[in-house]
Amino acid sequence: MAEPVSDQPLVVGIGGTIGGISSTERALRIALDAAGREGFRTRMFGGADMARLPLYDPKATTRTPDETEFVDTIRQASAVIIASPGYHGSISGVVKNALDLLEETARDPHRPYLADMPVGLIATAYGWQATGSTIAALRSIVHALRGWPTPFAAAVNTQLTKFDEDGGASDAAVIEQLSLVGKQVARFVPVAIQHG
């Protein structure tokens, strides 16, 4: 794959779990690759990246290098894709902690939070019930962060769909759905820029 040029817009992926490459991270990678095929640079903050973020302290006067890199990367993004496992009917703590850190952008004059940015959503869970409630929680959070959730969100039941180390999945329809998330954020970026 050719190195992306720096003037390409950036799509940032946030998602995964602590403790190794997860189904959530593999699903997110498929969506990011689809955005890459649309001409975007991509950067993923997976489980290992998020594990290095301390619990968000709104009163802290300094930030760690990992926190600073995360926030600065989001500031450069034209779109975001958030993928979370469904934990007890909602998003995981590690994903929520990363999103809480976006409070650092609250006073940014150019773009606070995820204002006017297309945001793709993915939920993975062992069963259907948690995928729906996790997607609903993600939509609510993105609205609170002033972002635009894309019309389509991918819900992946990992009881039925298995991911492999080569970037594939056992269900071709799931790959299509995850790719659609990536395509939608990429295609909505020009609209967001025009109206932003």
C-alpha atoms as a PDB file:
ATOM      1  CA  MET A   1       0.000   0.000   0.000  1.00  0.00           C
ATOM      2  CA  ALA A   2       1.408   3.401  -0.993  1.00  0.00           C
ATOM      3  CA  GLU A   3       2.230   5.918   1.712  1.00  0.00           C
ATOM      4  CA  PRO A   4      -0.586   8.470   1.917  1.00  0.00           C
ATOM      5  CA  VAL A   5       0.317  12.050   1.145  1.00  0.00           C
ATOM      6  CA  SER A   6      -0.090  14.531   3.964  1.00  0.00           C
ATOM      7  CA  ASP A   7      -2.703  16.670   2.203  1.00  0.00           C
ATOM      8  CA  GLN A   8      -5.166  13.780   2.212  1.00  0.00           C
ATOM      9  CA  PRO A   9      -7.948  14.200   4.785  1.00  0.00           C
ATOM     10  CA  LEU A  10      -7.690  12.029   7.881  1.00  0.00           C
ATOM     11  CA  VAL A  11     -10.174   9.511   9.290  1.00  0.00           C
ATOM     12  CA  VAL A  12      -9.420   8.475  12.872  1.00  0.00           C
ATOM     13  CA  GLY A  13     -10.623   5.163  14.263  1.00  0.00           C
ATOM     14  CA  ILE A  14     -11.200   4.718  17.998  1.00  0.00           C
ATOM     15  CA  GLY A  15     -11.976   1.263  19.318  1.00  0.00           C
ATOM     16  CA  GLY A  16     -10.946  -2.064  20.697  1.00  0.00           C
ATOM     17  CA  THR A  17     -10.406  -3.758  24.005  1.00  0.00           C
ATOM     18  CA  ILE A  18      -7.512  -4.136  26.400  1.00  0.00           C
ATOM     19  CA  GLY A  19      -5.662  -7.430  26.157  1.00  0.00           C
ATOM     20  CA  GLY A  20      -4.850  -8.052  22.509  1.00  0.00           C
ATOM     21  CA  ILE A  21      -6.363  -7.566  19.079  1.00  0.00           C
ATOM     22  CA  SER A  22     -10.123  -7.943  19.424  1.00  0.00           C
ATOM     23  CA  SER A  23     -13.076  -8.482  17.115  1.00  0.00           C
ATOM     24  CA  THR A  24     -13.870  -4.809  17.660  1.00  0.00           C
ATOM     25  CA  GLU A  25     -10.456  -3.731  16.414  1.00  0.00           C
ATOM     26  CA  ARG A  26     -10.660  -6.051  13.426  1.00  0.00           C
ATOM     27  CA  ALA A  27     -14.097  -4.654  12.544  1.00  0.00           C
ATOM     28  CA  LEU A  28     -12.766  -1.103  12.878  1.00  0.00           C
ATOM     29  CA  ARG A  29      -9.808  -1.911  10.611  1.00  0.00           C
ATOM     30  CA  ILE A  30     -12.163  -3.111   7.855  1.00  0.00           C
ATOM     31  CA  ALA A  31     -14.099   0.179   8.061  1.00  0.00           C
ATOM     32  CA  LEU A  32     -10.902   2.264   8.077  1.00  0.00           C
ATOM     33  CA  ASP A  33      -9.547   0.363   5.078  1.00  0.00           C
ATOM     34  CA  ALA A  34     -12.738   1.232   3.196  1.00  0.00           C
ATOM     35  CA  ALA A  35     -12.192   4.920   4.019  1.00  0.00           C
ATOM     36  CA  GLY A  36      -8.612   4.519   2.824  1.00  0.00           C
ATOM     37  CA  ARG A  37      -9.842   3.234  -0.530  1.00  0.00           C
ATOM     38  CA  GLU A  38     -11.893   6.451  -0.792  1.00  0.00           C
ATOM     39  CA  GLY A  39      -8.637   8.474  -0.663  1.00  0.00           C
ATOM     40  CA  PHE A  40      -8.286   9.152   3.065  1.00  0.00           C
ATOM     41  CA  ARG A  41      -5.369   8.745   5.426  1.00  0.00           C
ATOM     42  CA  THR A  42      -6.316   6.661   8.436  1.00  0.00           C
ATOM     43  CA  ARG A  43      -5.065   6.389  12.004  1.00  0.00           C
ATOM     44  CA  MET A  44      -6.376   3.847  14.480  1.00  0.00           C
ATOM     45  CA  PHE A  45      -6.304   4.116  18.249  1.00  0.00           C
ATOM     46  CA  GLY A  46      -6.868   0.507  19.257  1.00  0.00           C
ATOM     47  CA  GLY A  47      -7.065  -1.184  22.615  1.00  0.00           C
ATOM     48  CA  ALA A  48      -3.337  -0.947  23.316  1.00  0.00           C
ATOM     49  CA  ASP A  49      -3.372   2.806  22.561  1.00  0.00           C
ATOM     50  CA  MET A  50      -6.399   3.445  24.752  1.00  0.00           C
ATOM     51  CA  ALA A  51      -4.950   1.341  27.576  1.00  0.00           C
ATOM     52  CA  ARG A  52      -2.148   3.911  27.848  1.00  0.00           C
ATOM     53  CA  LEU A  53      -4.616   6.733  28.471  1.00  0.00           C
ATOM     54  CA  PRO A  54      -5.047   7.389  32.198  1.00  0.00           C
ATOM     55  CA  LEU A  55      -8.544   7.791  33.578  1.00  0.00           C
ATOM     56  CA  TYR A  56      -9.705  11.204  32.435  1.00  0.00           C
ATOM     57  CA  ASP A  57      -9.297  13.830  35.143  1.00  0.00           C
ATOM     58  CA  PRO A  58     -10.973  17.109  34.149  1.00  0.00           C
ATOM     59  CA  LYS A  59      -8.980  19.012  36.776  1.00  0.00           C
ATOM     60  CA  ALA A  60      -5.554  17.821  35.642  1.00  0.00           C
ATOM     61  CA  THR A  61      -3.272  20.694  34.624  1.00  0.00           C
ATOM     62  CA  THR A  62      -1.005  18.551  32.437  1.00  0.00           C
ATOM     63  CA  ARG A  63      -1.594  15.689  30.013  1.00  0.00           C
ATOM     64  CA  THR A  64       0.544  12.663  29.233  1.00  0.00           C
ATOM     65  CA  PRO A  65       2.194  12.367  25.807  1.00  0.00           C
ATOM     66  CA  ASP A  66      -0.362   9.665  24.897  1.00  0.00           C
ATOM     67  CA  GLU A  67      -3.273  11.916  25.853  1.00  0.00           C
ATOM     68  CA  THR A  68      -1.761  14.811  23.893  1.00  0.00           C
ATOM     69  CA  GLU A  69      -1.200  12.658  20.795  1.00  0.00           C
ATOM     70  CA  PHE A  70      -4.774  11.381  20.898  1.00  0.00           C
ATOM     71  CA  VAL A  71      -6.339  14.841  21.235  1.00  0.00           C
ATOM     72  CA  ASP A  72      -4.042  16.399  18.624  1.00  0.00           C
ATOM     73  CA  THR A  73      -4.836  13.621  16.155  1.00  0.00           C
ATOM     74  CA  ILE A  74      -8.586  14.136  16.624  1.00  0.00           C
ATOM     75  CA  ARG A  75      -8.063  17.861  16.034  1.00  0.00           C
ATOM     76  CA  GLN A  76      -6.549  17.023  12.624  1.00  0.00           C
ATOM     77  CA  ALA A  77      -9.316  14.594  11.665  1.00  0.00           C
ATOM     78  CA  SER A  78     -11.969  15.184   9.033  1.00  0.00           C
ATOM     79  CA  ALA A  79     -14.016  12.206  10.238  1.00  0.00           C
ATOM     80  CA  VAL A  80     -14.032   9.623  13.023  1.00  0.00           C
ATOM     81  CA  ILE A  81     -15.149   6.011  13.314  1.00  0.00           C
ATOM     82  CA  ILE A  82     -15.891   4.726  16.818  1.00  0.00           C
ATOM     83  CA  ALA A  83     -16.096   0.990  17.488  1.00  0.00           C
ATOM     84  CA  SER A  84     -17.021  -0.415  20.874  1.00  0.00           C
ATOM     85  CA  PRO A  85     -17.733  -3.832  22.265  1.00  0.00           C
ATOM     86  CA  GLY A  86     -21.034  -4.097  24.057  1.00  0.00           C
ATOM     87  CA  TYR A  87     -20.253  -4.424  27.745  1.00  0.00           C
ATOM     88  CA  HIS A  88     -23.291  -4.932  29.983  1.00  0.00           C
ATOM     89  CA  GLY A  89     -25.569  -3.211  27.498  1.00  0.00           C
ATOM     90  CA  SER A  90     -23.414  -0.183  26.689  1.00  0.00           C
ATOM     91  CA  ILE A  91     -20.005   0.933  25.483  1.00  0.00           C
ATOM     92  CA  SER A  92     -16.796  -0.187  27.149  1.00  0.00           C
ATOM     93  CA  GLY A  93     -15.088   1.939  29.784  1.00  0.00           C
ATOM     94  CA  VAL A  94     -11.889   2.213  27.773  1.00  0.00           C
ATOM     95  CA  VAL A  95     -13.727   3.680  24.756  1.00  0.00           C
ATOM     96  CA  LYS A  96     -15.727   6.036  26.987  1.00  0.00           C
ATOM     97  CA  ASN A  97     -12.536   7.205  28.701  1.00  0.00           C
ATOM     98  CA  ALA A  98     -10.982   8.081  25.333  1.00  0.00           C
ATOM     99  CA  LEU A  99     -14.097  10.011  24.327  1.00  0.00           C
ATOM    100  CA  ASP A 100     -14.160  11.814  27.681  1.00  0.00           C
ATOM    101  CA  LEU A 101     -10.669  13.109  26.876  1.00  0.00           C
ATOM    102  CA  LEU A 102     -12.178  15.111  23.995  1.00  0.00           C
ATOM    103  CA  GLU A 103     -13.270  17.594  26.661  1.00  0.00           C
ATOM    104  CA  GLU A 104      -9.786  19.011  26.026  1.00  0.00           C
ATOM    105  CA  THR A 105     -11.155  20.427  22.762  1.00  0.00           C
ATOM    106  CA  ALA A 106     -14.156  22.173  24.368  1.00  0.00           C
ATOM    107  CA  ARG A 107     -12.719  25.654  23.920  1.00  0.00           C
ATOM    108  CA  ASP A 108     -11.091  25.117  20.531  1.00  0.00           C
ATOM    109  CA  PRO A 109     -12.151  28.079  18.378  1.00  0.00           C
ATOM    110  CA  HIS A 110     -11.999  26.136  15.108  1.00  0.00           C
ATOM    111  CA  ARG A 111     -13.908  23.032  16.157  1.00  0.00           C
ATOM    112  CA  PRO A 112     -14.897  22.039  19.687  1.00  0.00           C
ATOM    113  CA  TYR A 113     -15.400  18.330  20.275  1.00  0.00           C
ATOM    114  CA  LEU A 114     -16.488  16.557  17.057  1.00  0.00           C
ATOM    115  CA  ALA A 115     -18.557  19.511  15.826  1.00  0.00           C
ATOM    116  CA  ASP A 116     -19.894  19.054  12.291  1.00  0.00           C
ATOM    117  CA  MET A 117     -17.797  15.932  11.759  1.00  0.00           C
ATOM    118  CA  PRO A 118     -19.177  12.727  10.248  1.00  0.00           C
ATOM    119  CA  VAL A 119     -18.836   9.887  12.752  1.00  0.00           C
ATOM    120  CA  GLY A 120     -19.269   6.229  11.843  1.00  0.00           C
ATOM    121  CA  LEU A 121     -20.372   3.764  14.517  1.00  0.00           C
ATOM    122  CA  ILE A 122     -19.668   0.071  15.041  1.00  0.00           C
ATOM    123  CA  ALA A 123     -20.782  -2.182  17.894  1.00  0.00           C
ATOM    124  CA  THR A 124     -19.637  -5.744  18.446  1.00  0.00           C
ATOM    125  CA  ALA A 125     -21.160  -8.066  21.027  1.00  0.00           C
ATOM    126  CA  TYR A 126     -21.757 -11.727  21.752  1.00  0.00           C
ATOM    127  CA  GLY A 127     -25.457 -11.545  20.894  1.00  0.00           C
ATOM    128  CA  TRP A 128     -27.793  -9.022  19.296  1.00  0.00           C
ATOM    129  CA  GLN A 129     -29.235  -7.242  22.323  1.00  0.00           C
ATOM    130  CA  ALA A 130     -26.035  -5.494  23.368  1.00  0.00           C
ATOM    131  CA  THR A 131     -25.220  -4.387  19.807  1.00  0.00           C
ATOM    132  CA  GLY A 132     -28.424  -2.320  19.615  1.00  0.00           C
ATOM    133  CA  SER A 133     -28.047  -0.650  22.995  1.00  0.00           C
ATOM    134  CA  THR A 134     -24.348   0.018  22.346  1.00  0.00           C
ATOM    135  CA  ILE A 135     -25.120   1.711  19.011  1.00  0.00           C
ATOM    136  CA  ALA A 136     -27.792   3.807  20.759  1.00  0.00           C
ATOM    137  CA  ALA A 137     -25.300   4.847  23.450  1.00  0.00           C
ATOM    138  CA  LEU A 138     -22.695   5.762  20.829  1.00  0.00           C
ATOM    139  CA  ARG A 139     -25.217   7.867  18.885  1.00  0.00           C
ATOM    140  CA  SER A 140     -26.155   9.718  22.055  1.00  0.00           C
ATOM    141  CA  ILE A 141     -22.504  10.417  22.898  1.00  0.00           C
ATOM    142  CA  VAL A 142     -21.727  11.620  19.368  1.00  0.00           C
ATOM    143  CA  HIS A 143     -24.718  13.983  19.486  1.00  0.00           C
ATOM    144  CA  ALA A 144     -23.450  15.336  22.822  1.00  0.00           C
ATOM    145  CA  LEU A 145     -20.054  15.886  21.173  1.00  0.00           C
ATOM    146  CA  ARG A 146     -21.826  17.781  18.331  1.00  0.00           C
ATOM    147  CA  GLY A 147     -20.856  15.217  15.699  1.00  0.00           C
ATOM    148  CA  TRP A 148     -22.981  13.799  12.888  1.00  0.00           C
ATOM    149  CA  PRO A 149     -23.521  10.043  13.256  1.00  0.00           C
ATOM    150  CA  THR A 150     -23.715   8.570   9.776  1.00  0.00           C
ATOM    151  CA  PRO A 151     -27.066   7.056   8.777  1.00  0.00           C
ATOM    152  CA  PHE A 152     -25.746   3.502   8.795  1.00  0.00           C
ATOM    153  CA  ALA A 153     -24.154   1.906  11.861  1.00  0.00           C
ATOM    154  CA  ALA A 154     -22.748  -1.621  11.846  1.00  0.00           C
ATOM    155  CA  ALA A 155     -23.873  -4.070  14.528  1.00  0.00           C
ATOM    156  CA  VAL A 156     -21.800  -7.250  14.591  1.00  0.00           C
ATOM    157  CA  ASN A 157     -22.878 -10.328  16.517  1.00  0.00           C
ATOM    158  CA  THR A 158     -19.590 -12.093  17.283  1.00  0.00           C
ATOM    159  CA  GLN A 159     -21.520 -15.219  18.246  1.00  0.00           C
ATOM    160  CA  LEU A 160     -22.229 -15.583  14.518  1.00  0.00           C
ATOM    161  CA  THR A 161     -19.344 -13.744  12.817  1.00  0.00           C
ATOM    162  CA  LYS A 162     -15.690 -14.596  13.339  1.00  0.00           C
ATOM    163  CA  PHE A 163     -12.809 -12.351  12.255  1.00  0.00           C
ATOM    164  CA  ASP A 164      -9.444 -13.613  11.073  1.00  0.00           C
ATOM    165  CA  GLU A 165      -5.901 -12.295  11.358  1.00  0.00           C
ATOM    166  CA  ASP A 166      -5.794 -11.497   7.633  1.00  0.00           C
ATOM    167  CA  GLY A 167      -8.419  -8.765   7.949  1.00  0.00           C
ATOM    168  CA  GLY A 168     -11.403 -10.828   6.869  1.00  0.00           C
ATOM    169  CA  ALA A 169     -14.573 -12.137   8.459  1.00  0.00           C
ATOM    170  CA  SER A 170     -16.628 -15.295   8.136  1.00  0.00           C
ATOM    171  CA  ASP A 171     -19.664 -13.356   6.862  1.00  0.00           C
ATOM    172  CA  ALA A 172     -19.285 -11.392   3.630  1.00  0.00           C
ATOM    173  CA  ALA A 173     -22.345  -9.293   4.513  1.00  0.00           C
ATOM    174  CA  VAL A 174     -20.613  -8.083   7.686  1.00  0.00           C
ATOM    175  CA  ILE A 175     -17.566  -7.017   5.658  1.00  0.00           C
ATOM    176  CA  GLU A 176     -19.910  -5.080   3.355  1.00  0.00           C
ATOM    177  CA  GLN A 177     -21.608  -3.397   6.317  1.00  0.00           C
ATOM    178  CA  LEU A 178     -18.326  -2.394   7.937  1.00  0.00           C
ATOM    179  CA  SER A 179     -17.038  -1.110   4.603  1.00  0.00           C
ATOM    180  CA  LEU A 180     -20.207   0.962   4.233  1.00  0.00           C
ATOM    181  CA  VAL A 181     -19.433   2.689   7.546  1.00  0.00           C
ATOM    182  CA  GLY A 182     -16.019   3.681   6.171  1.00  0.00           C
ATOM    183  CA  LYS A 183     -17.451   4.789   2.833  1.00  0.00           C
ATOM    184  CA  GLN A 184     -20.171   6.894   4.461  1.00  0.00           C
ATOM    185  CA  VAL A 185     -17.807   8.875   6.689  1.00  0.00           C
ATOM    186  CA  ALA A 186     -15.542   9.480   3.707  1.00  0.00           C
ATOM    187  CA  ARG A 187     -18.384  10.588   1.459  1.00  0.00           C
ATOM    188  CA  PHE A 188     -19.910  12.915   4.060  1.00  0.00           C
ATOM    189  CA  VAL A 189     -16.646  14.793   4.703  1.00  0.00           C
ATOM    190  CA  PRO A 190     -17.100  17.197   1.729  1.00  0.00           C
ATOM    191  CA  VAL A 191     -20.641  17.983   2.944  1.00  0.00           C
ATOM    192  CA  ALA A 192     -19.348  18.677   6.462  1.00  0.00           C
ATOM    193  CA  ILE A 193     -16.583  20.932   5.130  1.00  0.00           C
ATOM    194  CA  GLN A 194     -19.025  22.825   2.915  1.00  0.00           C
ATOM    195  CA  HIS A 195     -21.445  23.454   5.785  1.00  0.00           C
ATOM    196  CA  GLY A 196     -18.920  23.669   8.617  1.00  0.00           C
END
